[in-house]
Amino acid sequence: MEPRLTDIALYPEGLRWTFIIFIGVFLLWGIVGLIIAEVRDHVA
């Protein structure tokens, strides 16, 4: 059997998903913050 080179990742998939999750959590945090602010303003 001939030796062959190891597989090399084409791009950093883990870094990509980390960035996507960070942006998603940041957007969710912003939306929840706006909802809380609107409820507090409406109650006051």
N, C-alpha and C. Protein backbone atom coordinates (compact mmCIF):
# COMPACT_ATOMS: atom_id res chain seq x y z
N MET A 1 0.83 -1.17 0.00
CA MET A 1 0.00 0.00 0.00
C MET A 1 0.89 1.24 0.00
N GLU A 2 0.53 2.19 -0.82
CA GLU A 2 1.29 3.44 -0.91
C GLU A 2 0.84 4.39 0.20
N PRO A 3 1.78 5.07 0.83
CA PRO A 3 1.39 6.08 1.82
C PRO A 3 0.75 7.28 1.13
N ARG A 4 -0.19 7.90 1.79
CA ARG A 4 -0.80 9.09 1.22
C ARG A 4 -0.85 10.19 2.25
N LEU A 5 -1.03 11.40 1.80
CA LEU A 5 -1.08 12.54 2.69
C LEU A 5 -2.36 12.53 3.51
N THR A 6 -2.28 13.13 4.68
CA THR A 6 -3.47 13.22 5.52
C THR A 6 -4.45 14.21 4.92
N ASP A 7 -5.71 14.06 5.29
CA ASP A 7 -6.73 14.99 4.81
C ASP A 7 -6.53 16.35 5.47
N ILE A 8 -6.69 17.39 4.68
CA ILE A 8 -6.54 18.76 5.17
C ILE A 8 -7.90 19.45 5.05
N ALA A 9 -8.31 20.12 6.11
CA ALA A 9 -9.59 20.84 6.08
C ALA A 9 -9.53 21.96 5.05
N LEU A 10 -10.60 22.11 4.30
CA LEU A 10 -10.63 23.17 3.29
C LEU A 10 -10.79 24.55 3.92
N TYR A 11 -11.50 24.62 5.00
CA TYR A 11 -11.67 25.88 5.71
C TYR A 11 -12.01 25.56 7.17
N PRO A 12 -11.80 26.53 8.06
CA PRO A 12 -12.03 26.25 9.50
C PRO A 12 -13.52 26.20 9.84
N GLU A 13 -14.09 25.04 9.75
CA GLU A 13 -15.53 24.87 9.99
C GLU A 13 -15.91 25.21 11.43
N GLY A 14 -15.07 24.85 12.40
CA GLY A 14 -15.37 25.15 13.80
C GLY A 14 -15.42 26.64 14.06
N LEU A 15 -14.51 27.39 13.45
CA LEU A 15 -14.50 28.84 13.61
C LEU A 15 -15.74 29.47 12.99
N ARG A 16 -16.16 28.92 11.87
CA ARG A 16 -17.35 29.43 11.19
C ARG A 16 -18.58 29.27 12.08
N TRP A 17 -18.77 28.08 12.65
CA TRP A 17 -19.94 27.83 13.49
C TRP A 17 -19.89 28.64 14.79
N THR A 18 -18.69 28.84 15.33
CA THR A 18 -18.55 29.68 16.52
C THR A 18 -19.02 31.10 16.22
N PHE A 19 -18.63 31.63 15.07
CA PHE A 19 -19.03 32.98 14.68
C PHE A 19 -20.55 33.06 14.46
N ILE A 20 -21.12 32.07 13.80
CA ILE A 20 -22.56 32.06 13.54
C ILE A 20 -23.34 32.01 14.85
N ILE A 21 -22.92 31.17 15.78
CA ILE A 21 -23.61 31.06 17.07
C ILE A 21 -23.47 32.35 17.86
N PHE A 22 -22.27 32.98 17.83
CA PHE A 22 -22.06 34.24 18.53
C PHE A 22 -23.00 35.32 18.00
N ILE A 23 -23.10 35.44 16.68
CA ILE A 23 -23.99 36.44 16.09
C ILE A 23 -25.45 36.14 16.44
N GLY A 24 -25.84 34.85 16.41
CA GLY A 24 -27.22 34.48 16.75
C GLY A 24 -27.57 34.82 18.19
N VAL A 25 -26.67 34.52 19.10
CA VAL A 25 -26.92 34.82 20.52
C VAL A 25 -26.96 36.33 20.73
N PHE A 26 -26.08 37.07 20.05
CA PHE A 26 -26.07 38.53 20.18
C PHE A 26 -27.39 39.12 19.68
N LEU A 27 -27.89 38.64 18.54
CA LEU A 27 -29.17 39.13 18.02
C LEU A 27 -30.33 38.78 18.96
N LEU A 28 -30.32 37.56 19.49
CA LEU A 28 -31.35 37.14 20.41
C LEU A 28 -31.34 38.00 21.68
N TRP A 29 -30.13 38.29 22.19
CA TRP A 29 -29.98 39.14 23.37
C TRP A 29 -30.55 40.54 23.10
N GLY A 30 -30.28 41.08 21.92
CA GLY A 30 -30.79 42.40 21.55
C GLY A 30 -32.31 42.42 21.45
N ILE A 31 -32.88 41.40 20.84
CA ILE A 31 -34.33 41.34 20.69
C ILE A 31 -35.01 41.21 22.04
N VAL A 32 -34.48 40.34 22.91
CA VAL A 32 -35.05 40.17 24.25
C VAL A 32 -34.92 41.48 25.04
N GLY A 33 -33.79 42.16 24.91
CA GLY A 33 -33.61 43.44 25.59
C GLY A 33 -34.62 44.48 25.14
N LEU A 34 -34.89 44.53 23.83
CA LEU A 34 -35.89 45.47 23.32
C LEU A 34 -37.30 45.12 23.82
N ILE A 35 -37.61 43.85 23.88
CA ILE A 35 -38.93 43.43 24.38
C ILE A 35 -39.08 43.81 25.85
N ILE A 36 -38.04 43.55 26.64
CA ILE A 36 -38.09 43.90 28.07
C ILE A 36 -38.24 45.40 28.25
N ALA A 37 -37.50 46.18 27.47
CA ALA A 37 -37.60 47.65 27.57
C ALA A 37 -39.00 48.13 27.19
N GLU A 38 -39.59 47.52 26.16
CA GLU A 38 -40.93 47.91 25.74
C GLU A 38 -41.97 47.56 26.81
N VAL A 39 -41.84 46.42 27.45
CA VAL A 39 -42.77 46.02 28.50
C VAL A 39 -42.63 46.96 29.70
N ARG A 40 -41.40 47.28 30.09
CA ARG A 40 -41.21 48.20 31.21
C ARG A 40 -41.77 49.58 30.92
N ASP A 41 -41.58 50.04 29.67
CA ASP A 41 -42.10 51.36 29.29
C ASP A 41 -43.62 51.35 29.27
N HIS A 42 -44.21 50.24 28.86
CA HIS A 42 -45.67 50.16 28.77
C HIS A 42 -46.30 50.09 30.16
N VAL A 43 -45.65 49.41 31.09
CA VAL A 43 -46.18 49.24 32.45
C VAL A 43 -46.05 50.54 33.25
N ALA A 44 -44.97 51.25 33.06
CA ALA A 44 -44.70 52.46 33.86
C ALA A 44 -45.62 53.58 33.56
